[in-house]
C-alpha atoms as a PDB file:
ATOM      1  CA  MET A   1      89.837 129.068  47.757  1.00  0.00           C
ATOM      2  CA  SER A   2      92.247 132.310  48.654  1.00  0.00           C
ATOM      3  CA  GLU A   3      94.104 134.243  46.017  1.00  0.00           C
ATOM      4  CA  PRO A   4      97.846 134.142  46.089  1.00  0.00           C
ATOM      5  CA  ARG A   5      98.989 137.657  47.789  1.00  0.00           C
ATOM      6  CA  GLU A   6     102.239 139.322  47.032  1.00  0.00           C
ATOM      7  CA  PRO A   7     104.013 140.564  50.017  1.00  0.00           C
ATOM      8  CA  ARG A   8     102.798 144.267  49.775  1.00  0.00           C
ATOM      9  CA  ALA A   9     105.052 147.089  50.575  1.00  0.00           C
ATOM     10  CA  PRO A  10     103.831 149.334  52.707  1.00  0.00           C
ATOM     11  CA  GLN A  11     102.035 152.679  51.669  1.00  0.00           C
ATOM     12  CA  GLY A  12     104.437 155.640  50.506  1.00  0.00           C
ATOM     13  CA  GLN A  13     107.127 153.546  50.194  1.00  0.00           C
ATOM     14  CA  ALA A  14     107.053 152.431  46.547  1.00  0.00           C
ATOM     15  CA  GLY A  15     108.236 155.585  45.616  1.00  0.00           C
ATOM     16  CA  ALA A  16     111.249 155.784  47.837  1.00  0.00           C
ATOM     17  CA  PRO A  17     114.066 158.007  46.259  1.00  0.00           C
ATOM     18  CA  GLN A  18     116.997 156.669  44.161  1.00  0.00           C
ATOM     19  CA  GLY A  19     119.816 157.958  46.408  1.00  0.00           C
ATOM     20  CA  ARG A  20     122.717 158.421  45.078  1.00  0.00           C
ATOM     21  CA  PRO A  21     125.054 156.095  42.573  1.00  0.00           C
ATOM     22  CA  ASP A  22     126.628 153.792  44.708  1.00  0.00           C
ATOM     23  CA  GLU A  23     123.235 153.356  46.691  1.00  0.00           C
ATOM     24  CA  LYS A  24     122.026 152.012  43.295  1.00  0.00           C
ATOM     25  CA  ALA A  25     124.046 148.978  43.534  1.00  0.00           C
ATOM     26  CA  ALA A  26     122.077 145.623  43.219  1.00  0.00           C
ATOM     27  CA  LEU A  27     121.186 143.707  46.357  1.00  0.00           C
ATOM     28  CA  ARG A  28     121.857 139.797  46.141  1.00  0.00           C
ATOM     29  CA  LEU A  29     119.440 137.637  47.202  1.00  0.00           C
ATOM     30  CA  GLY A  30     119.963 134.526  48.145  1.00  0.00           C
ATOM     31  CA  THR A  31     117.373 131.385  47.070  1.00  0.00           C
ATOM     32  CA  ARG A  32     117.427 127.398  46.454  1.00  0.00           C
ATOM     33  CA  ARG A  33     117.387 126.605  42.474  1.00  0.00           C
ATOM     34  CA  SER A  34     113.704 124.996  42.997  1.00  0.00           C
ATOM     35  CA  LYS A  35     110.876 126.705  40.979  1.00  0.00           C
ATOM     36  CA  LEU A  36     108.856 127.253  43.891  1.00  0.00           C
ATOM     37  CA  ALA A  37     112.017 128.778  45.856  1.00  0.00           C
ATOM     38  CA  MET A  38     112.243 130.814  42.223  1.00  0.00           C
ATOM     39  CA  ALA A  39     108.714 132.058  42.197  1.00  0.00           C
ATOM     40  CA  GLN A  40     108.607 132.876  45.923  1.00  0.00           C
ATOM     41  CA  SER A  41     112.019 134.540  45.853  1.00  0.00           C
ATOM     42  CA  GLY A  42     110.880 136.660  43.293  1.00  0.00           C
ATOM     43  CA  LEU A  43     107.652 137.727  44.546  1.00  0.00           C
ATOM     44  CA  VAL A  44     109.784 139.115  47.603  1.00  0.00           C
ATOM     45  CA  ALA A  45     112.410 140.550  45.024  1.00  0.00           C
ATOM     46  CA  GLN A  46     109.928 142.995  43.781  1.00  0.00           C
ATOM     47  CA  ALA A  47     108.820 144.054  47.273  1.00  0.00           C
ATOM     48  CA  VAL A  48     112.173 144.685  48.543  1.00  0.00           C
ATOM     49  CA  SER A  49     113.029 146.753  45.502  1.00  0.00           C
ATOM     50  CA  GLN A  50     110.069 148.799  46.067  1.00  0.00           C
ATOM     51  CA  VAL A  51     111.158 149.458  49.745  1.00  0.00           C
ATOM     52  CA  THR A  52     114.645 150.438  48.950  1.00  0.00           C
ATOM     53  CA  GLY A  53     114.758 151.547  45.685  1.00  0.00           C
ATOM     54  CA  ARG A  54     117.376 149.430  44.248  1.00  0.00           C
ATOM     55  CA  PRO A  55     117.361 146.462  42.039  1.00  0.00           C
ATOM     56  CA  VAL A  56     117.371 143.020  43.333  1.00  0.00           C
ATOM     57  CA  GLU A  57     118.952 140.156  41.907  1.00  0.00           C
ATOM     58  CA  LEU A  58     118.865 136.189  42.576  1.00  0.00           C
ATOM     59  CA  VAL A  59     121.768 134.264  43.119  1.00  0.00           C
ATOM     60  CA  GLU A  60     120.986 130.633  43.176  1.00  0.00           C
ATOM     61  CA  ILE A  61     122.503 128.300  45.601  1.00  0.00           C
ATOM     62  CA  THR A  62     121.976 124.754  46.064  1.00  0.00           C
ATOM     63  CA  THR A  63     121.691 123.173  49.528  1.00  0.00           C
ATOM     64  CA  TYR A  64     121.902 119.477  50.797  1.00  0.00           C
ATOM     65  CA  GLY A  65     118.105 119.043  50.806  1.00  0.00           C
ATOM     66  CA  ASP A  66     117.607 119.879  47.161  1.00  0.00           C
ATOM     67  CA  THR A  67     120.226 117.343  46.437  1.00  0.00           C
ATOM     68  CA  SER A  68     120.007 114.216  48.533  1.00  0.00           C
ATOM     69  CA  ARG A  69     117.227 111.770  47.378  1.00  0.00           C
ATOM     70  CA  GLU A  70     116.952 110.505  50.630  1.00  0.00           C
ATOM     71  CA  HIS A  71     113.548 111.100  52.593  1.00  0.00           C
ATOM     72  CA  LEU A  72     113.730 114.453  54.980  1.00  0.00           C
ATOM     73  CA  ALA A  73     113.347 111.950  58.057  1.00  0.00           C
ATOM     74  CA  GLN A  74     116.278 110.414  57.179  1.00  0.00           C
ATOM     75  CA  ILE A  75     118.770 113.085  56.287  1.00  0.00           C
ATOM     76  CA  GLY A  76     117.539 114.757  59.729  1.00  0.00           C
ATOM     77  CA  GLY A  77     114.890 117.649  58.268  1.00  0.00           C
ATOM     78  CA  THR A  78     115.946 120.594  59.652  1.00  0.00           C
ATOM     79  CA  GLY A  79     117.628 122.891  58.378  1.00  0.00           C
ATOM     80  CA  VAL A  80     118.957 120.874  55.285  1.00  0.00           C
ATOM     81  CA  PHE A  81     117.450 123.433  53.122  1.00  0.00           C
ATOM     82  CA  VAL A  82     118.665 126.592  54.949  1.00  0.00           C
ATOM     83  CA  THR A  83     122.392 125.916  55.809  1.00  0.00           C
ATOM     84  CA  ALA A  84     123.986 126.713  52.288  1.00  0.00           C
ATOM     85  CA  LEU A  85     122.116 129.787  52.349  1.00  0.00           C
ATOM     86  CA  ARG A  86     123.000 130.816  55.677  1.00  0.00           C
ATOM     87  CA  GLU A  87     126.757 130.012  54.857  1.00  0.00           C
ATOM     88  CA  ALA A  88     126.775 132.830  51.942  1.00  0.00           C
ATOM     89  CA  LEU A  89     125.497 135.084  53.908  1.00  0.00           C
ATOM     90  CA  LEU A  90     127.625 134.804  56.604  1.00  0.00           C
ATOM     91  CA  LEU A  91     130.492 134.873  54.243  1.00  0.00           C
ATOM     92  CA  GLY A  92     129.201 138.019  52.327  1.00  0.00           C
ATOM     93  CA  GLU A  93     128.250 136.297  49.136  1.00  0.00           C
ATOM     94  CA  ILE A  94     124.580 137.364  49.292  1.00  0.00           C
ATOM     95  CA  ASP A  95     123.005 140.217  50.853  1.00  0.00           C
ATOM     96  CA  PHE A  96     119.732 138.217  52.116  1.00  0.00           C
ATOM     97  CA  ALA A  97     117.868 135.170  51.747  1.00  0.00           C
ATOM     98  CA  VAL A  98     114.547 134.056  51.322  1.00  0.00           C
ATOM     99  CA  HIS A  99     113.076 130.568  53.059  1.00  0.00           C
ATOM    100  CA  SER A 100     110.183 129.306  53.811  1.00  0.00           C
ATOM    101  CA  LEU A 101     109.866 129.447  57.623  1.00  0.00           C
ATOM    102  CA  LYS A 102     108.575 125.900  57.963  1.00  0.00           C
ATOM    103  CA  ASP A 103     112.580 125.360  56.881  1.00  0.00           C
ATOM    104  CA  LEU A 104     114.139 127.116  59.501  1.00  0.00           C
ATOM    105  CA  PRO A 105     115.545 125.215  62.512  1.00  0.00           C
ATOM    106  CA  THR A 106     114.051 127.192  65.603  1.00  0.00           C
ATOM    107  CA  GLY A 107     117.206 128.013  66.724  1.00  0.00           C
ATOM    108  CA  GLN A 108     118.316 131.618  65.419  1.00  0.00           C
ATOM    109  CA  PRO A 109     122.000 132.288  64.991  1.00  0.00           C
ATOM    110  CA  ASP A 110     123.442 135.967  67.045  1.00  0.00           C
ATOM    111  CA  GLU A 111     124.801 136.820  63.648  1.00  0.00           C
ATOM    112  CA  LEU A 112     121.881 136.643  61.544  1.00  0.00           C
ATOM    113  CA  ALA A 113     118.501 138.801  61.775  1.00  0.00           C
ATOM    114  CA  LEU A 114     114.932 137.334  60.805  1.00  0.00           C
ATOM    115  CA  ALA A 115     114.472 140.813  59.297  1.00  0.00           C
ATOM    116  CA  ALA A 116     110.959 140.336  58.481  1.00  0.00           C
ATOM    117  CA  VAL A 117     107.771 137.946  58.344  1.00  0.00           C
ATOM    118  CA  PRO A 118     105.494 139.088  55.357  1.00  0.00           C
ATOM    119  CA  LEU A 119     102.001 138.470  55.432  1.00  0.00           C
ATOM    120  CA  ARG A 120     101.532 134.698  55.249  1.00  0.00           C
ATOM    121  CA  GLU A 121      99.695 133.058  52.659  1.00  0.00           C
ATOM    122  CA  ASP A 122      97.041 130.475  53.112  1.00  0.00           C
ATOM    123  CA  PRO A 123      98.639 127.759  55.861  1.00  0.00           C
ATOM    124  CA  ARG A 124      96.630 125.224  54.857  1.00  0.00           C
ATOM    125  CA  ASP A 125      97.377 121.697  53.367  1.00  0.00           C
ATOM    126  CA  VAL A 126      96.025 120.381  49.967  1.00  0.00           C
ATOM    127  CA  LEU A 127      95.167 117.277  48.159  1.00  0.00           C
ATOM    128  CA  VAL A 128      95.635 116.807  44.792  1.00  0.00           C
ATOM    129  CA  ALA A 129      93.750 113.565  43.851  1.00  0.00           C
ATOM    130  CA  ARG A 130      92.854 111.559  40.611  1.00  0.00           C
ATOM    131  CA  ASP A 131      89.526 112.659  39.074  1.00  0.00           C
ATOM    132  CA  GLY A 132      89.218 115.514  40.861  1.00  0.00           C
ATOM    133  CA  LEU A 133      88.422 113.464  44.047  1.00  0.00           C
ATOM    134  CA  ARG A 134      87.852 115.307  47.701  1.00  0.00           C
ATOM    135  CA  PHE A 135      89.522 113.439  50.196  1.00  0.00           C
ATOM    136  CA  GLU A 136      86.294 112.040  51.829  1.00  0.00           C
ATOM    137  CA  GLU A 137      85.878 110.129  48.359  1.00  0.00           C
ATOM    138  CA  LEU A 138      88.841 108.685  47.887  1.00  0.00           C
ATOM    139  CA  PRO A 139      88.431 104.938  47.433  1.00  0.00           C
ATOM    140  CA  ASP A 140      89.146 102.248  49.930  1.00  0.00           C
ATOM    141  CA  GLY A 141      93.060 101.716  50.087  1.00  0.00           C
ATOM    142  CA  ALA A 142      93.478 104.770  48.087  1.00  0.00           C
ATOM    143  CA  ARG A 143      97.369 105.422  47.756  1.00  0.00           C
ATOM    144  CA  VAL A 144      98.249 108.898  49.126  1.00  0.00           C
ATOM    145  CA  GLY A 145     101.644 110.435  48.890  1.00  0.00           C
ATOM    146  CA  THR A 146     103.814 112.813  51.384  1.00  0.00           C
ATOM    147  CA  GLY A 147     107.083 112.843  52.541  1.00  0.00           C
ATOM    148  CA  SER A 148     105.548 114.702  55.883  1.00  0.00           C
ATOM    149  CA  PRO A 149     105.151 112.316  58.760  1.00  0.00           C
ATOM    150  CA  ARG A 150     102.893 114.864  60.307  1.00  0.00           C
ATOM    151  CA  ARG A 151     100.941 114.513  57.164  1.00  0.00           C
ATOM    152  CA  MET A 152     101.057 110.941  57.375  1.00  0.00           C
ATOM    153  CA  ALA A 153      99.954 111.098  60.926  1.00  0.00           C
ATOM    154  CA  GLN A 154      96.585 113.179  61.014  1.00  0.00           C
ATOM    155  CA  LEU A 155      95.707 111.927  57.303  1.00  0.00           C
ATOM    156  CA  ASN A 156      95.869 108.264  58.851  1.00  0.00           C
ATOM    157  CA  ALA A 157      93.861 109.117  61.949  1.00  0.00           C
ATOM    158  CA  TYR A 158      91.418 111.087  60.134  1.00  0.00           C
ATOM    159  CA  ALA A 159      91.056 107.955  57.985  1.00  0.00           C
ATOM    160  CA  ARG A 160      90.527 105.804  60.718  1.00  0.00           C
ATOM    161  CA  ASN A 161      88.007 108.041  62.535  1.00  0.00           C
ATOM    162  CA  HIS A 162      85.878 108.302  59.686  1.00  0.00           C
ATOM    163  CA  GLY A 163      85.831 104.410  58.236  1.00  0.00           C
ATOM    164  CA  MET A 164      88.289 104.977  55.289  1.00  0.00           C
ATOM    165  CA  THR A 165      90.897 102.995  54.940  1.00  0.00           C
ATOM    166  CA  ILE A 166      94.412 104.750  52.931  1.00  0.00           C
ATOM    167  CA  GLU A 167      97.619 103.865  52.674  1.00  0.00           C
ATOM    168  CA  THR A 168     100.151 106.948  53.497  1.00  0.00           C
ATOM    169  CA  VAL A 169     103.107 106.468  51.037  1.00  0.00           C
ATOM    170  CA  PRO A 170     106.623 108.257  51.313  1.00  0.00           C
ATOM    171  CA  ILE A 171     107.435 110.692  48.207  1.00  0.00           C
ATOM    172  CA  ARG A 172     110.447 113.217  47.883  1.00  0.00           C
ATOM    173  CA  GLY A 173     110.631 115.745  44.714  1.00  0.00           C
ATOM    174  CA  ASN A 174     109.239 118.637  43.801  1.00  0.00           C
ATOM    175  CA  VAL A 175     105.697 119.939  43.060  1.00  0.00           C
ATOM    176  CA  ASP A 176     105.787 118.970  39.310  1.00  0.00           C
ATOM    177  CA  THR A 177     107.169 115.303  40.546  1.00  0.00           C
ATOM    178  CA  ARG A 178     104.641 115.082  43.310  1.00  0.00           C
ATOM    179  CA  ILE A 179     101.893 115.563  40.678  1.00  0.00           C
ATOM    180  CA  GLY A 180     103.285 113.467  38.660  1.00  0.00           C
ATOM    181  CA  TYR A 181     102.807 110.374  40.395  1.00  0.00           C
ATOM    182  CA  VAL A 182      99.080 111.313  40.611  1.00  0.00           C
ATOM    183  CA  ARG A 183      99.090 112.431  36.482  1.00  0.00           C
ATOM    184  CA  SER A 184     100.365 109.005  35.758  1.00  0.00           C
ATOM    185  CA  GLY A 185      98.532 106.829  38.191  1.00  0.00           C
ATOM    186  CA  GLU A 186     100.771 105.494  40.534  1.00  0.00           C
ATOM    187  CA  LEU A 187      99.353 107.212  43.348  1.00  0.00           C
ATOM    188  CA  ASP A 188      95.836 108.281  44.056  1.00  0.00           C
ATOM    189  CA  ALA A 189      96.372 111.454  45.292  1.00  0.00           C
ATOM    190  CA  VAL A 190      99.299 113.500  46.721  1.00  0.00           C
ATOM    191  CA  VAL A 191      99.356 116.192  49.662  1.00  0.00           C
ATOM    192  CA  LEU A 192     100.943 119.559  49.352  1.00  0.00           C
ATOM    193  CA  ALA A 193     100.804 123.205  50.962  1.00  0.00           C
ATOM    194  CA  ALA A 194      98.318 125.659  49.515  1.00  0.00           C
ATOM    195  CA  ALA A 195     100.768 128.116  49.585  1.00  0.00           C
ATOM    196  CA  GLY A 196     103.427 126.944  47.463  1.00  0.00           C
ATOM    197  CA  LEU A 197     100.946 125.912  44.978  1.00  0.00           C
ATOM    198  CA  GLY A 198      99.313 129.124  44.732  1.00  0.00           C
ATOM    199  CA  ARG A 199     102.823 130.805  44.668  1.00  0.00           C
ATOM    200  CA  LEU A 200     103.431 129.179  41.426  1.00  0.00           C
ATOM    201  CA  GLY A 201     100.174 129.997  40.305  1.00  0.00           C
ATOM    202  CA  ARG A 202      98.762 126.198  40.369  1.00  0.00           C
ATOM    203  CA  THR A 203      96.187 126.541  42.564  1.00  0.00           C
ATOM    204  CA  GLU A 204      93.329 124.829  39.747  1.00  0.00           C
ATOM    205  CA  ASP A 205      95.375 121.396  40.472  1.00  0.00           C
ATOM    206  CA  VAL A 206      93.990 121.368  43.802  1.00  0.00           C
ATOM    207  CA  THR A 207      91.068 118.831  44.086  1.00  0.00           C
ATOM    208  CA  ASP A 208      90.504 119.211  48.037  1.00  0.00           C
ATOM    209  CA  PHE A 209      91.436 122.168  50.595  1.00  0.00           C
ATOM    210  CA  LEU A 210      92.286 120.341  54.191  1.00  0.00           C
ATOM    211  CA  SER A 211      90.501 121.440  56.674  1.00  0.00           C
ATOM    212  CA  VAL A 212      93.040 122.791  59.905  1.00  0.00           C
ATOM    213  CA  ASP A 213      90.388 120.903  61.813  1.00  0.00           C
ATOM    214  CA  THR A 214      91.651 117.769  59.659  1.00  0.00           C
ATOM    215  CA  VAL A 215      95.050 118.272  59.186  1.00  0.00           C
ATOM    216  CA  LEU A 216      97.259 120.846  61.002  1.00  0.00           C
ATOM    217  CA  PRO A 217      99.970 122.496  58.954  1.00  0.00           C
ATOM    218  CA  ALA A 218     103.565 122.227  60.284  1.00  0.00           C
ATOM    219  CA  PRO A 219     104.792 125.213  62.106  1.00  0.00           C
ATOM    220  CA  GLY A 220     105.107 128.315  60.243  1.00  0.00           C
ATOM    221  CA  GLN A 221     103.490 127.184  56.724  1.00  0.00           C
ATOM    222  CA  GLY A 222     102.462 129.333  54.392  1.00  0.00           C
ATOM    223  CA  ALA A 223     104.761 131.846  55.901  1.00  0.00           C
ATOM    224  CA  LEU A 224     108.286 133.521  54.512  1.00  0.00           C
ATOM    225  CA  ALA A 225     111.218 134.401  56.348  1.00  0.00           C
ATOM    226  CA  ILE A 226     113.448 137.272  55.250  1.00  0.00           C
ATOM    227  CA  GLU A 227     116.993 137.017  56.922  1.00  0.00           C
ATOM    228  CA  CYS A 228     120.073 138.955  56.641  1.00  0.00           C
ATOM    229  CA  ALA A 229     123.427 139.930  58.789  1.00  0.00           C
ATOM    230  CA  ALA A 230     122.458 141.074  62.129  1.00  0.00           C
ATOM    231  CA  ASP A 231     125.086 143.862  61.824  1.00  0.00           C
ATOM    232  CA  ASN A 232     123.695 145.318  58.784  1.00  0.00           C
ATOM    233  CA  ALA A 233     121.503 147.904  60.361  1.00  0.00           C
ATOM    234  CA  ASP A 234     120.457 149.670  57.383  1.00  0.00           C
ATOM    235  CA  LEU A 235     119.353 146.729  55.339  1.00  0.00           C
ATOM    236  CA  VAL A 236     117.773 145.179  58.491  1.00  0.00           C
ATOM    237  CA  ALA A 237     115.637 148.292  59.068  1.00  0.00           C
ATOM    238  CA  ALA A 238     114.623 148.422  54.961  1.00  0.00           C
ATOM    239  CA  LEU A 239     113.429 144.687  54.948  1.00  0.00           C
ATOM    240  CA  SER A 240     111.764 145.393  58.427  1.00  0.00           C
ATOM    241  CA  GLU A 241     109.392 147.344  55.879  1.00  0.00           C
ATOM    242  CA  LEU A 242     107.968 144.121  55.198  1.00  0.00           C
ATOM    243  CA  ASP A 243     107.167 142.543  58.167  1.00  0.00           C
ATOM    244  CA  ASP A 244     104.036 141.519  59.468  1.00  0.00           C
ATOM    245  CA  PRO A 245     103.164 141.575  63.008  1.00  0.00           C
ATOM    246  CA  PHE A 246     100.497 138.796  63.229  1.00  0.00           C
ATOM    247  CA  THR A 247     102.103 136.694  61.313  1.00  0.00           C
ATOM    248  CA  ARG A 248     105.498 136.917  63.417  1.00  0.00           C
ATOM    249  CA  ALA A 249     103.465 136.560  66.469  1.00  0.00           C
ATOM    250  CA  ALA A 250     101.337 133.387  65.112  1.00  0.00           C
ATOM    251  CA  VAL A 251     104.970 131.824  63.626  1.00  0.00           C
ATOM    252  CA  THR A 252     107.048 132.795  66.588  1.00  0.00           C
ATOM    253  CA  ALA A 253     104.277 130.496  69.278  1.00  0.00           C
ATOM    254  CA  GLU A 254     104.160 127.857  66.589  1.00  0.00           C
ATOM    255  CA  ARG A 255     108.077 127.328  66.525  1.00  0.00           C
ATOM    256  CA  SER A 256     108.136 127.851  69.855  1.00  0.00           C
ATOM    257  CA  LEU A 257     106.151 124.913  70.556  1.00  0.00           C
ATOM    258  CA  LEU A 258     107.998 123.250  67.980  1.00  0.00           C
ATOM    259  CA  ALA A 259     111.352 123.747  69.859  1.00  0.00           C
ATOM    260  CA  ALA A 260     110.180 123.544  73.202  1.00  0.00           C
ATOM    261  CA  LEU A 261     108.777 119.754  72.195  1.00  0.00           C
ATOM    262  CA  GLU A 262     112.301 119.503  71.093  1.00  0.00           C
ATOM    263  CA  ALA A 263     111.131 118.334  67.776  1.00  0.00           C
ATOM    264  CA  GLY A 264     113.077 118.740  64.566  1.00  0.00           C
ATOM    265  CA  CYS A 265     110.922 120.184  61.239  1.00  0.00           C
ATOM    266  CA  SER A 266     110.742 116.350  60.152  1.00  0.00           C
ATOM    267  CA  ALA A 267     109.110 115.789  63.531  1.00  0.00           C
ATOM    268  CA  PRO A 268     104.971 114.787  63.243  1.00  0.00           C
ATOM    269  CA  VAL A 269     104.146 117.822  65.039  1.00  0.00           C
ATOM    270  CA  GLY A 270     101.150 120.503  63.638  1.00  0.00           C
ATOM    271  CA  ALA A 271     100.907 123.634  64.896  1.00  0.00           C
ATOM    272  CA  LEU A 272      98.675 127.054  63.702  1.00  0.00           C
ATOM    273  CA  ALA A 273      98.303 130.189  65.617  1.00  0.00           C
ATOM    274  CA  ASP A 274      94.950 132.262  64.757  1.00  0.00           C
ATOM    275  CA  LEU A 275      93.376 135.472  65.404  1.00  0.00           C
ATOM    276  CA  LEU A 276      90.163 135.505  67.338  1.00  0.00           C
ATOM    277  CA  ALA A 277      87.785 138.473  66.708  1.00  0.00           C
ATOM    278  CA  ASP A 278      85.178 139.972  67.918  1.00  0.00           C
ATOM    279  CA  GLY A 279      83.805 141.572  65.472  1.00  0.00           C
ATOM    280  CA  GLN A 280      86.519 143.769  63.806  1.00  0.00           C
ATOM    281  CA  ILE A 281      88.925 143.955  66.917  1.00  0.00           C
ATOM    282  CA  VAL A 282      91.261 141.192  67.156  1.00  0.00           C
ATOM    283  CA  LYS A 283      90.954 140.026  70.872  1.00  0.00           C
ATOM    284  CA  GLU A 284      93.251 136.878  71.506  1.00  0.00           C
ATOM    285  CA  MET A 285      95.502 134.602  69.915  1.00  0.00           C
ATOM    286  CA  ARG A 286      94.604 130.602  69.778  1.00  0.00           C
ATOM    287  CA  LEU A 287      97.645 127.917  69.147  1.00  0.00           C
ATOM    288  CA  ARG A 288      96.794 124.525  68.223  1.00  0.00           C
ATOM    289  CA  GLY A 289      99.592 121.491  68.490  1.00  0.00           C
ATOM    290  CA  VAL A 290      99.062 118.262  67.581  1.00  0.00           C
ATOM    291  CA  VAL A 291     101.734 115.487  67.750  1.00  0.00           C
ATOM    292  CA  GLY A 292     100.934 111.498  66.724  1.00  0.00           C
ATOM    293  CA  THR A 293     102.447 108.336  65.488  1.00  0.00           C
ATOM    294  CA  THR A 294     102.672 108.105  61.907  1.00  0.00           C
ATOM    295  CA  ASP A 295     100.336 105.480  61.163  1.00  0.00           C
ATOM    296  CA  GLY A 296      97.661 107.871  62.930  1.00  0.00           C
ATOM    297  CA  THR A 297      96.752 105.716  65.954  1.00  0.00           C
ATOM    298  CA  THR A 298      97.981 107.846  68.698  1.00  0.00           C
ATOM    299  CA  LEU A 299      97.771 111.846  68.767  1.00  0.00           C
ATOM    300  CA  VAL A 300      98.171 114.490  71.329  1.00  0.00           C
ATOM    301  CA  GLN A 301      95.919 117.372  70.089  1.00  0.00           C
ATOM    302  CA  LEU A 302      95.290 120.553  72.248  1.00  0.00           C
ATOM    303  CA  SER A 303      94.992 123.940  71.900  1.00  0.00           C
ATOM    304  CA  THR A 304      95.394 127.233  74.205  1.00  0.00           C
ATOM    305  CA  THR A 305      93.911 130.681  73.926  1.00  0.00           C
ATOM    306  CA  GLY A 306      95.251 134.226  75.204  1.00  0.00           C
ATOM    307  CA  PRO A 307      95.905 137.874  74.806  1.00  0.00           C
ATOM    308  CA  VAL A 308      97.694 138.566  71.167  1.00  0.00           C
ATOM    309  CA  PRO A 309     101.152 138.659  72.137  1.00  0.00           C
ATOM    310  CA  GLU A 310     102.432 142.155  72.216  1.00  0.00           C
ATOM    311  CA  THR A 311     106.150 140.899  72.666  1.00  0.00           C
ATOM    312  CA  HIS A 312     109.016 138.349  71.163  1.00  0.00           C
ATOM    313  CA  ASP A 313     109.096 136.547  74.434  1.00  0.00           C
ATOM    314  CA  GLN A 314     105.054 136.747  74.935  1.00  0.00           C
ATOM    315  CA  ALA A 315     104.439 134.832  71.834  1.00  0.00           C
ATOM    316  CA  MET A 316     107.358 132.322  72.928  1.00  0.00           C
ATOM    317  CA  ALA A 317     105.511 131.903  76.138  1.00  0.00           C
ATOM    318  CA  LEU A 318     102.020 131.119  74.559  1.00  0.00           C
ATOM    319  CA  GLY A 319     104.077 127.960  72.804  1.00  0.00           C
ATOM    320  CA  ARG A 320     106.129 127.164  75.530  1.00  0.00           C
ATOM    321  CA  GLU A 321     102.699 126.759  78.018  1.00  0.00           C
ATOM    322  CA  LEU A 322     100.885 124.736  75.120  1.00  0.00           C
ATOM    323  CA  ALA A 323     103.956 122.205  74.973  1.00  0.00           C
ATOM    324  CA  ALA A 324     104.290 121.682  78.446  1.00  0.00           C
ATOM    325  CA  GLU A 325     100.460 120.720  78.458  1.00  0.00           C
ATOM    326  CA  MET A 326     101.111 118.306  75.319  1.00  0.00           C
ATOM    327  CA  LEU A 327     104.143 116.589  77.575  1.00  0.00           C
ATOM    328  CA  ALA A 328     102.178 116.253  80.262  1.00  0.00           C
ATOM    329  CA  LYS A 329      99.925 114.252  77.820  1.00  0.00           C
ATOM    330  CA  GLY A 330     102.393 112.013  76.114  1.00  0.00           C
ATOM    331  CA  ALA A 331     103.591 113.731  73.481  1.00  0.00           C
ATOM    332  CA  ALA A 332     107.363 112.838  73.840  1.00  0.00           C
ATOM    333  CA  GLY A 333     106.599 109.234  72.990  1.00  0.00           C
ATOM    334  CA  LEU A 334     105.015 110.145  69.726  1.00  0.00           C
ATOM    335  CA  MET A 335     107.573 111.671  68.253  1.00  0.00           C
ATOM    336  CA  GLY A 336     110.131 109.127  67.130  1.00  0.00           C
ATOM    337  CA  GLU A 337     113.084 111.888  65.669  1.00  0.00           C
ATOM    338  CA  ARG A 338     114.246 114.020  68.956  1.00  0.00           C
ATOM    339  CA  ALA A 339     116.001 117.034  68.215  1.00  0.00           C
ATOM    340  CA  HIS A 340     119.141 116.517  70.305  1.00  0.00           C
END
């Protein structure tokens, strides 16, 4: 069980000079209002304050995804939590924004820079079930809540392949709301992201960490994206101190796969890039992808392995290569929602 990690400031940066008084002005960090968004933005604020020597204040912004009660697949999924933050950046109302990277559309606007992708948290999905049950221990007909077609497809496929009968139930809401469905007995279990519970200090609620061999996470799951105006070179440079090159290469490959499948972030696509080491030496990156029908009857699941990408273009190529293989195996017909 991995402990939540804060984004780390590089060594030697914590004592950054305070500079002249006009350089001490607080940086404005735009964040969604949810408890989880506030928690992860707070961690980033501490790290940014360390590397810049400037205070950071949180600016709460309500997004369409926060106010709509419709299911994500119905409201388009892609970008619903991001658009309001990006508009505030472009209007100069905030200096930088923190997103859950899996919420970001795959196209990056020219006016905005993805200045940092900090070290990734645990990318896995987790189960929070009644009576401390693991997934394999759920009773026949168990009602499992998730708002994600990707999770539904893989959970239903796993259950079918292991002689289990489950019913996946679409749900929305924050972490407390979702776990509340289990506590009240309305659902037998819900599936959430490990990273979110870790950042909220709620890991003790987890009854089962789902292996990535069972459920591949969403592209970029567990990673954060720190975004600012592309023309603010000083801020881009300061924020880039928090970038983790391996995390960035991995999520770039995963998101390239998603983009090449022409799928939005509410499509049933899972992807994970991880590093393969020979002893202490990292030799290769493996990218795994899955797409399937939400009832789990049909899955296309493939992987590819190559040298660890050293450039953005190499990471993009790894994703496109796997997407082409998946499309050749019939992935396009399984996604339902296609981005246009």
